[in-house]
Amino acid sequence: MITPSPDTVLHPLQGEKRALHEWLTTFHLLSVVIDPYTSESARVLKTARRVLAQFAGSSVRTNYVVTARPEEAREFLGVLADETIVFCDADRTFVKQLHLQRLPAFVFLRIDGNVVASAEGWNPVEWRAVADEVARTVAWSKPLIPAPGDPDAFAGTSAMAQ
């Protein structure tokens, strides 16, 4: 099981930076991890928005982890930056701790600090499995994955490319 360091500092676009364990005191984290310098991450934004919105009222902190500086993350996400939490991970510290190889990625980090489900690239079956685990854990309804208009599956790009 993957367990990132609870002392890893997460830098939100808005608000104070805090250690991971502080973000997990009340809620699980459900992250869409994206690289704003790739078309693959851009292709999944509409789907990511829809899926994260499904869980917005549950006991999960939905968020984007963007491998960029704050101004670049805001430019890439546009209005999405104001809809949920956005963490900036320009040096990819958190990405490395999540052991991600491909982006975009969909990661469910349970309140105990363990990654219990993740998917890399855009594979609707794998993203659905993550969403199913979240829904089961928090007793919430599941989003439809894939849904009409979602992109065809693709492998994504290297998580360590900069």
C-alpha atoms as a PDB file:
ATOM      1  CA  MET A   1       0.000   0.000   0.000  1.00  0.00           C
ATOM      2  CA  ILE A   2       1.274   3.467  -0.839  1.00  0.00           C
ATOM      3  CA  THR A   3       1.448   5.902   2.059  1.00  0.00           C
ATOM      4  CA  PRO A   4       2.872   9.363   1.360  1.00  0.00           C
ATOM      5  CA  SER A   5       4.637  11.155   4.194  1.00  0.00           C
ATOM      6  CA  PRO A   6       2.076  12.807   6.478  1.00  0.00           C
ATOM      7  CA  ASP A   7       4.477  15.753   6.761  1.00  0.00           C
ATOM      8  CA  THR A   8       4.411  16.514   3.034  1.00  0.00           C
ATOM      9  CA  VAL A   9       3.343  20.124   2.657  1.00  0.00           C
ATOM     10  CA  LEU A  10       0.502  20.748   0.200  1.00  0.00           C
ATOM     11  CA  HIS A  11       0.285  24.215  -1.327  1.00  0.00           C
ATOM     12  CA  PRO A  12      -3.276  25.292  -2.196  1.00  0.00           C
ATOM     13  CA  LEU A  13      -3.951  28.132  -4.613  1.00  0.00           C
ATOM     14  CA  GLN A  14      -6.062  29.753  -1.926  1.00  0.00           C
ATOM     15  CA  GLY A  15      -5.407  29.525   1.779  1.00  0.00           C
ATOM     16  CA  GLU A  16      -2.528  28.397   3.911  1.00  0.00           C
ATOM     17  CA  LYS A  17      -0.176  25.587   3.012  1.00  0.00           C
ATOM     18  CA  ARG A  18      -0.466  22.682   5.435  1.00  0.00           C
ATOM     19  CA  ALA A  19       0.990  19.245   5.980  1.00  0.00           C
ATOM     20  CA  LEU A  20      -0.856  16.333   4.406  1.00  0.00           C
ATOM     21  CA  HIS A  21      -1.966  14.988   7.794  1.00  0.00           C
ATOM     22  CA  GLU A  22      -3.752  18.295   8.442  1.00  0.00           C
ATOM     23  CA  TRP A  23      -5.693  17.982   5.177  1.00  0.00           C
ATOM     24  CA  LEU A  24      -6.726  14.477   6.263  1.00  0.00           C
ATOM     25  CA  THR A  25      -7.994  15.265   9.768  1.00  0.00           C
ATOM     26  CA  THR A  26     -11.669  15.285   8.763  1.00  0.00           C
ATOM     27  CA  PHE A  27     -11.919  14.238   5.126  1.00  0.00           C
ATOM     28  CA  HIS A  28     -10.435  11.803   2.648  1.00  0.00           C
ATOM     29  CA  LEU A  29      -8.688  13.316  -0.410  1.00  0.00           C
ATOM     30  CA  LEU A  30      -9.829  12.576  -3.960  1.00  0.00           C
ATOM     31  CA  SER A  31      -7.326  14.018  -6.402  1.00  0.00           C
ATOM     32  CA  VAL A  32      -7.090  14.421 -10.128  1.00  0.00           C
ATOM     33  CA  VAL A  33      -3.380  14.886 -10.761  1.00  0.00           C
ATOM     34  CA  ILE A  34      -2.603  16.791 -13.939  1.00  0.00           C
ATOM     35  CA  ASP A  35       0.313  18.201 -15.873  1.00  0.00           C
ATOM     36  CA  PRO A  36      -0.698  21.518 -17.460  1.00  0.00           C
ATOM     37  CA  TYR A  37       2.008  21.222 -20.088  1.00  0.00           C
ATOM     38  CA  THR A  38       0.406  18.234 -21.827  1.00  0.00           C
ATOM     39  CA  SER A  39      -2.614  17.860 -24.073  1.00  0.00           C
ATOM     40  CA  GLU A  40      -3.481  14.594 -22.306  1.00  0.00           C
ATOM     41  CA  SER A  41      -4.243  16.385 -19.043  1.00  0.00           C
ATOM     42  CA  ALA A  42      -6.241  19.009 -20.913  1.00  0.00           C
ATOM     43  CA  ARG A  43      -8.319  16.292 -22.615  1.00  0.00           C
ATOM     44  CA  VAL A  44      -9.504  14.887 -19.280  1.00  0.00           C
ATOM     45  CA  LEU A  45     -10.495  18.188 -17.610  1.00  0.00           C
ATOM     46  CA  LYS A  46     -14.193  18.068 -18.557  1.00  0.00           C
ATOM     47  CA  THR A  47     -14.464  14.489 -17.279  1.00  0.00           C
ATOM     48  CA  ALA A  48     -12.474  15.274 -14.119  1.00  0.00           C
ATOM     49  CA  ARG A  49     -14.746  18.225 -13.379  1.00  0.00           C
ATOM     50  CA  ARG A  50     -17.840  16.041 -13.702  1.00  0.00           C
ATOM     51  CA  VAL A  51     -16.427  13.211 -11.574  1.00  0.00           C
ATOM     52  CA  LEU A  52     -15.156  15.491  -8.804  1.00  0.00           C
ATOM     53  CA  ALA A  53     -18.493  17.340  -8.741  1.00  0.00           C
ATOM     54  CA  GLN A  54     -20.236  14.019  -8.051  1.00  0.00           C
ATOM     55  CA  PHE A  55     -18.334  13.684  -4.766  1.00  0.00           C
ATOM     56  CA  ALA A  56     -18.313  17.364  -3.761  1.00  0.00           C
ATOM     57  CA  GLY A  57     -20.965  16.959  -1.056  1.00  0.00           C
ATOM     58  CA  SER A  58     -19.498  13.800   0.442  1.00  0.00           C
ATOM     59  CA  SER A  59     -16.857  13.371   3.143  1.00  0.00           C
ATOM     60  CA  VAL A  60     -14.115  13.720   0.524  1.00  0.00           C
ATOM     61  CA  ARG A  61     -12.037  16.799  -0.237  1.00  0.00           C
ATOM     62  CA  THR A  62     -12.089  16.841  -4.017  1.00  0.00           C
ATOM     63  CA  ASN A  63      -9.084  18.529  -5.552  1.00  0.00           C
ATOM     64  CA  TYR A  64      -6.710  18.958  -8.440  1.00  0.00           C
ATOM     65  CA  VAL A  65      -2.989  18.476  -7.963  1.00  0.00           C
ATOM     66  CA  VAL A  66      -1.293  20.510 -10.680  1.00  0.00           C
ATOM     67  CA  THR A  67       2.381  20.023 -11.449  1.00  0.00           C
ATOM     68  CA  ALA A  68       3.012  23.738 -11.874  1.00  0.00           C
ATOM     69  CA  ARG A  69       3.446  27.031 -10.064  1.00  0.00           C
ATOM     70  CA  PRO A  70       0.271  28.795  -8.863  1.00  0.00           C
ATOM     71  CA  GLU A  71      -0.019  31.232 -11.762  1.00  0.00           C
ATOM     72  CA  GLU A  72       0.416  28.410 -14.292  1.00  0.00           C
ATOM     73  CA  ALA A  73      -2.121  26.213 -12.497  1.00  0.00           C
ATOM     74  CA  ARG A  74      -4.688  29.015 -12.470  1.00  0.00           C
ATOM     75  CA  GLU A  75      -4.117  29.759 -16.145  1.00  0.00           C
ATOM     76  CA  PHE A  76      -4.494  26.095 -17.100  1.00  0.00           C
ATOM     77  CA  LEU A  77      -7.605  25.435 -15.008  1.00  0.00           C
ATOM     78  CA  GLY A  78      -9.389  28.735 -15.606  1.00  0.00           C
ATOM     79  CA  VAL A  79     -12.783  28.710 -13.830  1.00  0.00           C
ATOM     80  CA  LEU A  80     -12.133  25.190 -12.523  1.00  0.00           C
ATOM     81  CA  ALA A  81      -9.585  26.706 -10.125  1.00  0.00           C
ATOM     82  CA  ASP A  82     -12.457  28.314  -8.211  1.00  0.00           C
ATOM     83  CA  GLU A  83     -14.665  25.210  -8.031  1.00  0.00           C
ATOM     84  CA  THR A  84     -12.575  23.018  -5.750  1.00  0.00           C
ATOM     85  CA  ILE A  85      -9.220  22.907  -3.988  1.00  0.00           C
ATOM     86  CA  VAL A  86      -6.158  23.161  -6.221  1.00  0.00           C
ATOM     87  CA  PHE A  87      -2.788  22.047  -4.900  1.00  0.00           C
ATOM     88  CA  CYS A  88       0.358  23.151  -6.730  1.00  0.00           C
ATOM     89  CA  ASP A  89       3.158  20.592  -6.915  1.00  0.00           C
ATOM     90  CA  ALA A  90       5.676  22.246  -9.237  1.00  0.00           C
ATOM     91  CA  ASP A  91       8.575  20.103  -8.033  1.00  0.00           C
ATOM     92  CA  ARG A  92       6.369  16.967  -8.118  1.00  0.00           C
ATOM     93  CA  THR A  93       7.161  15.989  -4.531  1.00  0.00           C
ATOM     94  CA  PHE A  94       3.626  14.772  -3.870  1.00  0.00           C
ATOM     95  CA  VAL A  95       3.439  13.051  -7.283  1.00  0.00           C
ATOM     96  CA  LYS A  96       6.609  11.119  -6.429  1.00  0.00           C
ATOM     97  CA  GLN A  97       5.250  10.132  -3.011  1.00  0.00           C
ATOM     98  CA  LEU A  98       2.087   8.836  -4.671  1.00  0.00           C
ATOM     99  CA  HIS A  99       4.359   6.661  -6.876  1.00  0.00           C
ATOM    100  CA  LEU A 100       2.647   7.908 -10.024  1.00  0.00           C
ATOM    101  CA  GLN A 101       4.236   7.029 -13.356  1.00  0.00           C
ATOM    102  CA  ARG A 102       1.660   8.523 -15.768  1.00  0.00           C
ATOM    103  CA  LEU A 103      -0.512  11.652 -15.772  1.00  0.00           C
ATOM    104  CA  PRO A 104      -3.307  12.456 -15.618  1.00  0.00           C
ATOM    105  CA  ALA A 105      -4.055  10.313 -12.598  1.00  0.00           C
ATOM    106  CA  PHE A 106      -7.014   9.776 -10.280  1.00  0.00           C
ATOM    107  CA  VAL A 107      -6.071   9.051  -6.663  1.00  0.00           C
ATOM    108  CA  PHE A 108      -8.119   8.263  -3.559  1.00  0.00           C
ATOM    109  CA  LEU A 109      -6.192   8.934  -0.355  1.00  0.00           C
ATOM    110  CA  ARG A 110      -8.104   7.677   2.655  1.00  0.00           C
ATOM    111  CA  ILE A 111      -8.205   9.642   5.915  1.00  0.00           C
ATOM    112  CA  ASP A 112      -5.646   7.212   7.423  1.00  0.00           C
ATOM    113  CA  GLY A 113      -3.062   8.442   4.889  1.00  0.00           C
ATOM    114  CA  ASN A 114      -3.116   5.376   2.621  1.00  0.00           C
ATOM    115  CA  VAL A 115      -3.707   5.432  -1.110  1.00  0.00           C
ATOM    116  CA  VAL A 116      -6.458   2.839  -1.474  1.00  0.00           C
ATOM    117  CA  ALA A 117      -7.235   3.307  -5.167  1.00  0.00           C
ATOM    118  CA  SER A 118      -5.608   5.028  -8.115  1.00  0.00           C
ATOM    119  CA  ALA A 119      -5.624   5.089 -11.887  1.00  0.00           C
ATOM    120  CA  GLU A 120      -3.004   6.488 -14.233  1.00  0.00           C
ATOM    121  CA  GLY A 121      -3.612   7.914 -17.672  1.00  0.00           C
ATOM    122  CA  TRP A 122      -7.240   7.969 -18.793  1.00  0.00           C
ATOM    123  CA  ASN A 123      -8.640   4.482 -18.642  1.00  0.00           C
ATOM    124  CA  PRO A 124     -12.388   4.676 -17.964  1.00  0.00           C
ATOM    125  CA  VAL A 125     -12.518   1.201 -16.384  1.00  0.00           C
ATOM    126  CA  GLU A 126      -9.720   2.080 -13.947  1.00  0.00           C
ATOM    127  CA  TRP A 127     -11.163   5.510 -13.129  1.00  0.00           C
ATOM    128  CA  ARG A 128     -14.542   3.839 -12.518  1.00  0.00           C
ATOM    129  CA  ALA A 129     -12.876   1.425 -10.068  1.00  0.00           C
ATOM    130  CA  VAL A 130     -11.436   4.378  -8.116  1.00  0.00           C
ATOM    131  CA  ALA A 131     -14.828   6.126  -8.097  1.00  0.00           C
ATOM    132  CA  ASP A 132     -16.502   2.901  -6.972  1.00  0.00           C
ATOM    133  CA  GLU A 133     -14.068   2.608  -4.045  1.00  0.00           C
ATOM    134  CA  VAL A 134     -14.730   6.216  -3.036  1.00  0.00           C
ATOM    135  CA  ALA A 135     -18.508   5.715  -3.274  1.00  0.00           C
ATOM    136  CA  ARG A 136     -18.318   2.524  -1.215  1.00  0.00           C
ATOM    137  CA  THR A 137     -16.104   4.140   1.435  1.00  0.00           C
ATOM    138  CA  VAL A 138     -18.231   7.263   1.907  1.00  0.00           C
ATOM    139  CA  ALA A 139     -21.640   5.713   1.103  1.00  0.00           C
ATOM    140  CA  TRP A 140     -22.181   8.029  -1.861  1.00  0.00           C
ATOM    141  CA  SER A 141     -23.557   7.629  -5.367  1.00  0.00           C
ATOM    142  CA  LYS A 142     -21.148   6.819  -8.180  1.00  0.00           C
ATOM    143  CA  PRO A 143     -20.580   8.928 -11.281  1.00  0.00           C
ATOM    144  CA  LEU A 144     -21.097   7.410 -14.709  1.00  0.00           C
ATOM    145  CA  ILE A 145     -17.664   6.544 -16.128  1.00  0.00           C
ATOM    146  CA  PRO A 146     -17.323   6.715 -19.052  1.00  0.00           C
ATOM    147  CA  ALA A 147     -20.071   9.151 -19.942  1.00  0.00           C
ATOM    148  CA  PRO A 148     -21.042  10.500 -23.343  1.00  0.00           C
ATOM    149  CA  GLY A 149     -18.444  13.018 -24.443  1.00  0.00           C
ATOM    150  CA  ASP A 150     -15.589  11.497 -22.432  1.00  0.00           C
ATOM    151  CA  PRO A 151     -12.366  10.996 -24.417  1.00  0.00           C
ATOM    152  CA  ASP A 152     -11.202   7.632 -25.679  1.00  0.00           C
ATOM    153  CA  ALA A 153      -8.727   5.864 -23.412  1.00  0.00           C
ATOM    154  CA  PHE A 154      -5.100   7.001 -23.552  1.00  0.00           C
ATOM    155  CA  ALA A 155      -1.935   6.174 -21.623  1.00  0.00           C
ATOM    156  CA  GLY A 156      -1.046   9.687 -20.497  1.00  0.00           C
ATOM    157  CA  THR A 157       2.429  11.149 -20.223  1.00  0.00           C
ATOM    158  CA  SER A 158       5.345  10.566 -17.904  1.00  0.00           C
ATOM    159  CA  ALA A 159       4.651  11.873 -14.404  1.00  0.00           C
ATOM    160  CA  MET A 160       8.281  12.894 -14.021  1.00  0.00           C
ATOM    161  CA  ALA A 161       8.618  14.874 -17.262  1.00  0.00           C
ATOM    162  CA  GLN A 162       9.176  18.562 -16.683  1.00  0.00           C
END
